[in-house]
Amino acid sequence: MDSCTIGGIIGGIVSIILCGYVSLRTSHKSIDGQLKFGLIISCLFWVCLLIVGACFFGLLFTDINLERNLYPIVGLIAGFGLGAIYSYGEAFKVHGKFDEKSIQFSYSLVWFKR
């Protein structure tokens, strides 16, 4: 395998490890009985989205060797794109409420509010 493929695989593995670590360590902020993820998950969304945008920009507007670099770039776009979708769902769509007796989580499927 060439260095681009190895770099993409190593980046994907590091991304999976970091996502797992952050998900385990993220504490829920509680304000008046509400639960939601902290700032780390929303930052992860923006970083993944930025990497996907940079890969698209490099793919479309630079003169890279597509015969050699197409599959690693498409792999990065797919991997970080999935990470961005997951992080967006966790950070902005999952909410919860708690009281002394129960805890409830809900996932909003509405992407845009009117």
Protein backbone atom coordinates (compact mmCIF):
# COMPACT_ATOMS: atom_id res chain seq x y z
CA MET A 1 0.00 0.00 0.00
CA ASP A 2 1.16 3.51 -0.67
CA SER A 3 1.55 6.21 1.96
CA CYS A 4 -1.74 7.96 1.11
CA THR A 5 -3.77 4.83 1.81
CA ILE A 6 -1.89 4.12 5.03
CA GLY A 7 -2.36 7.73 6.13
CA GLY A 8 -6.09 7.50 5.46
CA ILE A 9 -6.40 4.26 7.41
CA ILE A 10 -4.42 5.65 10.35
CA GLY A 11 -6.54 8.83 10.33
CA GLY A 12 -9.73 6.77 10.33
CA ILE A 13 -8.54 4.62 13.23
CA VAL A 14 -7.51 7.69 15.23
CA SER A 15 -10.89 9.28 14.49
CA ILE A 16 -12.76 6.20 15.73
CA ILE A 17 -10.67 6.06 18.91
CA LEU A 18 -11.16 9.77 19.61
CA CYS A 19 -14.92 9.58 19.00
CA GLY A 20 -15.22 6.63 21.36
CA TYR A 21 -13.10 8.31 24.03
CA VAL A 22 -14.99 11.60 23.81
CA SER A 23 -18.35 9.83 23.90
CA LEU A 24 -17.35 7.96 27.04
CA ARG A 25 -15.89 11.00 28.78
CA THR A 26 -18.43 13.62 27.83
CA SER A 27 -20.37 14.72 30.84
CA HIS A 28 -23.94 15.86 30.57
CA LYS A 29 -24.65 19.38 31.65
CA SER A 30 -27.72 19.68 33.76
CA ILE A 31 -29.65 22.93 33.84
CA ASP A 32 -33.07 22.82 35.44
CA GLY A 33 -33.63 19.14 34.70
CA GLN A 34 -32.34 19.18 31.11
CA LEU A 35 -29.64 16.92 29.67
CA LYS A 36 -27.60 17.47 26.54
CA PHE A 37 -24.09 16.86 25.27
CA GLY A 38 -21.33 19.31 25.96
CA LEU A 39 -19.24 21.47 23.69
CA ILE A 40 -16.87 18.69 22.61
CA ILE A 41 -19.43 16.87 20.46
CA SER A 42 -20.52 20.03 18.66
CA CYS A 43 -16.85 20.94 18.04
CA LEU A 44 -16.31 17.43 16.66
CA PHE A 45 -19.16 18.04 14.21
CA TRP A 46 -17.62 21.27 12.95
CA VAL A 47 -14.13 19.76 12.65
CA CYS A 48 -15.46 16.76 10.67
CA LEU A 49 -17.43 19.10 8.43
CA LEU A 50 -14.35 21.27 7.88
CA ILE A 51 -12.26 18.23 6.90
CA VAL A 52 -14.95 17.06 4.46
CA GLY A 53 -15.05 20.55 2.93
CA ALA A 54 -11.26 20.65 2.62
CA CYS A 55 -11.25 17.24 0.92
CA PHE A 56 -13.98 18.35 -1.51
CA PHE A 57 -12.05 21.52 -2.24
CA GLY A 58 -8.86 19.54 -2.86
CA LEU A 59 -10.70 17.07 -5.04
CA LEU A 60 -12.47 19.68 -7.17
CA PHE A 61 -10.17 22.70 -7.35
CA THR A 62 -6.58 21.41 -7.19
CA ASP A 63 -4.54 19.48 -9.69
CA ILE A 64 -3.85 16.36 -7.67
CA ASN A 65 -3.14 13.04 -9.30
CA LEU A 66 -6.61 11.46 -9.32
CA GLU A 67 -5.33 8.05 -10.40
CA ARG A 68 -3.34 7.78 -7.20
CA ASN A 69 -5.28 9.88 -4.69
CA LEU A 70 -8.95 9.40 -5.58
CA TYR A 71 -9.74 6.46 -3.28
CA PRO A 72 -8.03 7.89 -0.16
CA ILE A 73 -9.78 11.24 -0.59
CA VAL A 74 -13.17 9.60 -1.18
CA GLY A 75 -12.52 7.43 1.89
CA LEU A 76 -11.76 10.52 3.99
CA ILE A 77 -14.90 12.24 2.71
CA ALA A 78 -17.03 9.19 3.52
CA GLY A 79 -15.48 8.59 6.95
CA PHE A 80 -15.50 12.15 8.17
CA GLY A 81 -18.92 12.69 6.55
CA LEU A 82 -20.35 9.85 8.63
CA GLY A 83 -18.61 11.29 11.68
CA ALA A 84 -20.15 14.69 10.97
CA ILE A 85 -23.64 13.22 10.60
CA TYR A 86 -23.28 11.24 13.84
CA SER A 87 -21.87 14.22 15.76
CA TYR A 88 -24.61 16.50 14.45
CA GLY A 89 -27.28 14.07 15.61
CA GLU A 90 -25.72 13.67 19.04
CA ALA A 91 -24.99 17.35 19.63
CA PHE A 92 -28.08 19.03 18.25
CA LYS A 93 -30.84 16.42 18.08
CA VAL A 94 -30.57 14.37 21.29
CA HIS A 95 -32.03 15.97 24.39
CA GLY A 96 -33.22 14.69 27.70
CA LYS A 97 -35.01 15.60 30.88
CA PHE A 98 -34.69 14.24 34.35
CA ASP A 99 -36.29 14.52 37.75
CA GLU A 100 -36.05 12.60 40.99
CA LYS A 101 -37.97 9.60 39.63
CA SER A 102 -37.09 9.22 35.96
CA ILE A 103 -34.85 10.15 33.07
CA GLN A 104 -36.05 10.56 29.47
CA PHE A 105 -34.12 11.00 26.24
CA SER A 106 -35.63 12.02 22.95
CA TYR A 107 -34.31 12.34 19.43
CA SER A 108 -35.80 15.00 17.20
CA LEU A 109 -36.18 14.02 13.56
CA VAL A 110 -37.12 17.56 12.53
CA TRP A 111 -34.03 19.01 10.82
CA PHE A 112 -35.26 22.56 10.43
CA LYS A 113 -37.64 24.39 12.72
CA ARG A 114 -40.13 26.84 11.28
